[in-house]
Amino acid sequence: MTWRARKRDSGQNLVEFAIVAVLLLALVLGIIEFGRVWMTFQVVTNAAREGARLAALPTGFTNSGAVTTKVNDYLTAAGLDTGVASVTVSGVDGATGSNATVTVTYNVDMLFLGPIVSLLDSSSSIPGSFTLTGTSTMRNE
């Protein structure tokens, strides 16, 4: 290969690296976002389970306020904002054998991909946030 042929190809490596680096960065950020949303879903589900366990205790030991406080404490301990969480409690004062149900709804925003999607296209089908719901039902003691 002559010197002139090599000189013409000198920028090719830089262009290829730029294309691959953008794709690789998008892949890594997508993996991080998915892992964070999955972790949040697990925390929301466990918070609902903790609340349902408390709600299933015999009558006189608990009420809806205590269950909501327990769920919010669990979410706070996990580092989640309780201001965007919604807790629904049913069957707390039910008879023995009936079911106590706790539903926790949490809105999680995408940290990296959400702002990028909203900048590119506001009518995009890719969401900038997700609503996660965790439900747990336990039999009253």
C-alpha atoms as a PDB file:
ATOM      1  CA  MET A   1       0.000   0.000   0.000  1.00  0.00           C
ATOM      2  CA  THR A   2       1.357   3.352  -0.956  1.00  0.00           C
ATOM      3  CA  TRP A   3       1.722   6.320   1.307  1.00  0.00           C
ATOM      4  CA  ARG A   4      -1.150   8.172  -0.394  1.00  0.00           C
ATOM      5  CA  ALA A   5      -3.550   5.241   0.067  1.00  0.00           C
ATOM      6  CA  ARG A   6      -2.751   5.085   3.786  1.00  0.00           C
ATOM      7  CA  LYS A   7      -3.225   8.825   4.144  1.00  0.00           C
ATOM      8  CA  ARG A   8      -6.755   8.591   2.672  1.00  0.00           C
ATOM      9  CA  ASP A   9      -7.768   5.896   5.234  1.00  0.00           C
ATOM     10  CA  SER A  10      -6.334   7.658   8.276  1.00  0.00           C
ATOM     11  CA  GLY A  11      -9.705   8.989   9.554  1.00  0.00           C
ATOM     12  CA  GLN A  12     -11.600   5.744   9.035  1.00  0.00           C
ATOM     13  CA  ASN A  13     -10.674   4.322  12.438  1.00  0.00           C
ATOM     14  CA  LEU A  14     -11.894   7.432  14.225  1.00  0.00           C
ATOM     15  CA  VAL A  15     -15.266   7.372  12.447  1.00  0.00           C
ATOM     16  CA  GLU A  16     -15.770   3.664  13.173  1.00  0.00           C
ATOM     17  CA  PHE A  17     -14.859   4.188  16.832  1.00  0.00           C
ATOM     18  CA  ALA A  18     -17.335   7.074  17.136  1.00  0.00           C
ATOM     19  CA  ILE A  19     -20.170   4.921  15.782  1.00  0.00           C
ATOM     20  CA  VAL A  20     -19.327   1.922  17.969  1.00  0.00           C
ATOM     21  CA  ALA A  21     -18.762   4.065  21.085  1.00  0.00           C
ATOM     22  CA  VAL A  22     -22.232   5.643  20.827  1.00  0.00           C
ATOM     23  CA  LEU A  23     -23.881   2.245  20.419  1.00  0.00           C
ATOM     24  CA  LEU A  24     -21.885   0.754  23.283  1.00  0.00           C
ATOM     25  CA  LEU A  25     -22.716   3.689  25.574  1.00  0.00           C
ATOM     26  CA  ALA A  26     -26.424   3.372  24.750  1.00  0.00           C
ATOM     27  CA  LEU A  27     -26.279  -0.360  25.523  1.00  0.00           C
ATOM     28  CA  VAL A  28     -24.536   0.166  28.876  1.00  0.00           C
ATOM     29  CA  LEU A  29     -26.956   2.931  29.910  1.00  0.00           C
ATOM     30  CA  GLY A  30     -29.901   0.720  28.921  1.00  0.00           C
ATOM     31  CA  ILE A  31     -28.568  -2.104  31.099  1.00  0.00           C
ATOM     32  CA  ILE A  32     -28.132   0.278  34.033  1.00  0.00           C
ATOM     33  CA  GLU A  33     -31.685   1.650  33.604  1.00  0.00           C
ATOM     34  CA  PHE A  34     -33.203  -1.823  33.387  1.00  0.00           C
ATOM     35  CA  GLY A  35     -31.352  -2.937  36.515  1.00  0.00           C
ATOM     36  CA  ARG A  36     -32.482   0.137  38.450  1.00  0.00           C
ATOM     37  CA  VAL A  37     -36.133  -0.306  37.432  1.00  0.00           C
ATOM     38  CA  TRP A  38     -35.967  -4.024  38.294  1.00  0.00           C
ATOM     39  CA  MET A  39     -34.491  -3.251  41.727  1.00  0.00           C
ATOM     40  CA  THR A  40     -37.238  -0.679  42.339  1.00  0.00           C
ATOM     41  CA  PHE A  41     -39.894  -3.223  41.344  1.00  0.00           C
ATOM     42  CA  GLN A  42     -38.477  -5.727  43.824  1.00  0.00           C
ATOM     43  CA  VAL A  43     -38.493  -3.125  46.618  1.00  0.00           C
ATOM     44  CA  VAL A  44     -42.106  -2.142  45.833  1.00  0.00           C
ATOM     45  CA  THR A  45     -43.188  -5.790  45.854  1.00  0.00           C
ATOM     46  CA  ASN A  46     -41.394  -6.473  49.141  1.00  0.00           C
ATOM     47  CA  ALA A  47     -42.924  -3.346  50.695  1.00  0.00           C
ATOM     48  CA  ALA A  48     -46.384  -4.642  49.767  1.00  0.00           C
ATOM     49  CA  ARG A  49     -45.496  -8.022  51.286  1.00  0.00           C
ATOM     50  CA  GLU A  50     -44.325  -6.406  54.541  1.00  0.00           C
ATOM     51  CA  GLY A  51     -47.516  -4.361  54.707  1.00  0.00           C
ATOM     52  CA  ALA A  52     -49.726  -7.381  54.036  1.00  0.00           C
ATOM     53  CA  ARG A  53     -47.958  -9.340  56.754  1.00  0.00           C
ATOM     54  CA  LEU A  54     -48.696  -6.581  59.239  1.00  0.00           C
ATOM     55  CA  ALA A  55     -52.275  -6.215  57.975  1.00  0.00           C
ATOM     56  CA  ALA A  56     -52.899  -9.945  58.461  1.00  0.00           C
ATOM     57  CA  LEU A  57     -52.280  -9.788  62.215  1.00  0.00           C
ATOM     58  CA  PRO A  58     -55.304 -10.362  64.480  1.00  0.00           C
ATOM     59  CA  THR A  59     -57.787  -7.509  64.873  1.00  0.00           C
ATOM     60  CA  GLY A  60     -56.743  -4.952  67.475  1.00  0.00           C
ATOM     61  CA  PHE A  61     -53.015  -5.186  66.705  1.00  0.00           C
ATOM     62  CA  THR A  62     -52.972  -3.062  63.568  1.00  0.00           C
ATOM     63  CA  ASN A  63     -54.903  -0.598  61.406  1.00  0.00           C
ATOM     64  CA  SER A  64     -54.600   0.921  57.926  1.00  0.00           C
ATOM     65  CA  GLY A  65     -52.431   3.779  59.173  1.00  0.00           C
ATOM     66  CA  ALA A  66     -49.932   1.394  60.766  1.00  0.00           C
ATOM     67  CA  VAL A  67     -49.735  -0.623  57.544  1.00  0.00           C
ATOM     68  CA  THR A  68     -49.165   2.493  55.440  1.00  0.00           C
ATOM     69  CA  THR A  69     -46.444   3.635  57.857  1.00  0.00           C
ATOM     70  CA  LYS A  70     -44.755   0.211  57.658  1.00  0.00           C
ATOM     71  CA  VAL A  71     -44.782   0.317  53.840  1.00  0.00           C
ATOM     72  CA  ASN A  72     -43.444   3.889  53.751  1.00  0.00           C
ATOM     73  CA  ASP A  73     -40.708   2.980  56.241  1.00  0.00           C
ATOM     74  CA  TYR A  74     -39.672   0.075  54.014  1.00  0.00           C
ATOM     75  CA  LEU A  75     -39.569   2.304  50.937  1.00  0.00           C
ATOM     76  CA  THR A  76     -37.583   4.966  52.793  1.00  0.00           C
ATOM     77  CA  ALA A  77     -35.077   2.397  54.055  1.00  0.00           C
ATOM     78  CA  ALA A  78     -34.532   1.329  50.443  1.00  0.00           C
ATOM     79  CA  GLY A  79     -33.887   4.920  49.383  1.00  0.00           C
ATOM     80  CA  LEU A  80     -37.137   5.447  47.469  1.00  0.00           C
ATOM     81  CA  ASP A  81     -39.228   8.614  47.631  1.00  0.00           C
ATOM     82  CA  THR A  82     -42.488   7.967  49.483  1.00  0.00           C
ATOM     83  CA  GLY A  83     -43.991  11.109  47.958  1.00  0.00           C
ATOM     84  CA  VAL A  84     -44.588   9.325  44.646  1.00  0.00           C
ATOM     85  CA  ALA A  85     -45.802   6.097  46.275  1.00  0.00           C
ATOM     86  CA  SER A  86     -49.449   5.231  46.716  1.00  0.00           C
ATOM     87  CA  VAL A  87     -50.489   2.609  49.284  1.00  0.00           C
ATOM     88  CA  THR A  88     -53.914   0.938  49.251  1.00  0.00           C
ATOM     89  CA  VAL A  89     -54.897  -1.299  52.181  1.00  0.00           C
ATOM     90  CA  SER A  90     -57.984  -3.490  52.344  1.00  0.00           C
ATOM     91  CA  GLY A  91     -59.173  -6.199  54.718  1.00  0.00           C
ATOM     92  CA  VAL A  92     -57.189  -5.012  57.746  1.00  0.00           C
ATOM     93  CA  ASP A  93     -60.004  -5.500  60.247  1.00  0.00           C
ATOM     94  CA  GLY A  94     -61.393  -8.583  58.537  1.00  0.00           C
ATOM     95  CA  ALA A  95     -62.504 -11.764  60.225  1.00  0.00           C
ATOM     96  CA  THR A  96     -60.143 -14.670  60.677  1.00  0.00           C
ATOM     97  CA  GLY A  97     -59.731 -16.464  57.381  1.00  0.00           C
ATOM     98  CA  SER A  98     -60.509 -13.449  55.192  1.00  0.00           C
ATOM     99  CA  ASN A  99     -57.790 -11.779  53.152  1.00  0.00           C
ATOM    100  CA  ALA A 100     -55.779  -8.630  53.804  1.00  0.00           C
ATOM    101  CA  THR A 101     -54.474  -7.007  50.633  1.00  0.00           C
ATOM    102  CA  VAL A 102     -51.867  -4.274  50.252  1.00  0.00           C
ATOM    103  CA  THR A 103     -51.144  -2.625  46.904  1.00  0.00           C
ATOM    104  CA  VAL A 104     -48.192  -0.278  46.443  1.00  0.00           C
ATOM    105  CA  THR A 105     -47.962   1.845  43.306  1.00  0.00           C
ATOM    106  CA  TYR A 106     -44.719   3.674  42.567  1.00  0.00           C
ATOM    107  CA  ASN A 107     -43.793   5.925  39.645  1.00  0.00           C
ATOM    108  CA  VAL A 108     -40.142   5.541  38.636  1.00  0.00           C
ATOM    109  CA  ASP A 109     -38.516   7.962  36.184  1.00  0.00           C
ATOM    110  CA  MET A 110     -35.819   6.899  33.776  1.00  0.00           C
ATOM    111  CA  LEU A 111     -32.597   8.688  34.746  1.00  0.00           C
ATOM    112  CA  PHE A 112     -30.617   8.429  31.519  1.00  0.00           C
ATOM    113  CA  LEU A 113     -32.981   7.386  28.761  1.00  0.00           C
ATOM    114  CA  GLY A 114     -36.044   9.404  29.833  1.00  0.00           C
ATOM    115  CA  PRO A 115     -34.578  12.878  29.236  1.00  0.00           C
ATOM    116  CA  ILE A 116     -33.002  11.745  25.970  1.00  0.00           C
ATOM    117  CA  VAL A 117     -36.304  10.373  24.675  1.00  0.00           C
ATOM    118  CA  SER A 118     -38.213  13.508  25.714  1.00  0.00           C
ATOM    119  CA  LEU A 119     -35.666  15.718  23.944  1.00  0.00           C
ATOM    120  CA  LEU A 120     -35.747  13.715  20.734  1.00  0.00           C
ATOM    121  CA  ASP A 121     -39.480  13.175  20.322  1.00  0.00           C
ATOM    122  CA  SER A 122     -42.260  14.027  22.765  1.00  0.00           C
ATOM    123  CA  SER A 123     -44.703  11.690  20.964  1.00  0.00           C
ATOM    124  CA  SER A 124     -42.364   8.705  21.220  1.00  0.00           C
ATOM    125  CA  SER A 125     -43.736   5.323  22.241  1.00  0.00           C
ATOM    126  CA  ILE A 126     -40.727   4.820  24.533  1.00  0.00           C
ATOM    127  CA  PRO A 127     -41.815   5.877  28.027  1.00  0.00           C
ATOM    128  CA  GLY A 128     -39.781   8.271  30.148  1.00  0.00           C
ATOM    129  CA  SER A 129     -41.258   6.780  33.300  1.00  0.00           C
ATOM    130  CA  PHE A 130     -42.906   3.582  34.488  1.00  0.00           C
ATOM    131  CA  THR A 131     -45.634   2.922  37.016  1.00  0.00           C
ATOM    132  CA  LEU A 132     -44.711  -0.128  39.076  1.00  0.00           C
ATOM    133  CA  THR A 133     -47.332  -1.957  41.122  1.00  0.00           C
ATOM    134  CA  GLY A 134     -46.702  -4.502  43.843  1.00  0.00           C
ATOM    135  CA  THR A 135     -49.628  -6.375  45.409  1.00  0.00           C
ATOM    136  CA  SER A 136     -49.615  -8.868  48.238  1.00  0.00           C
ATOM    137  CA  THR A 137     -52.517 -10.752  49.789  1.00  0.00           C
ATOM    138  CA  MET A 138     -52.350 -12.716  53.040  1.00  0.00           C
ATOM    139  CA  ARG A 139     -54.961 -14.516  55.055  1.00  0.00           C
ATOM    140  CA  ASN A 140     -55.980 -12.777  58.303  1.00  0.00           C
ATOM    141  CA  GLU A 141     -54.917 -14.601  61.452  1.00  0.00           C
END
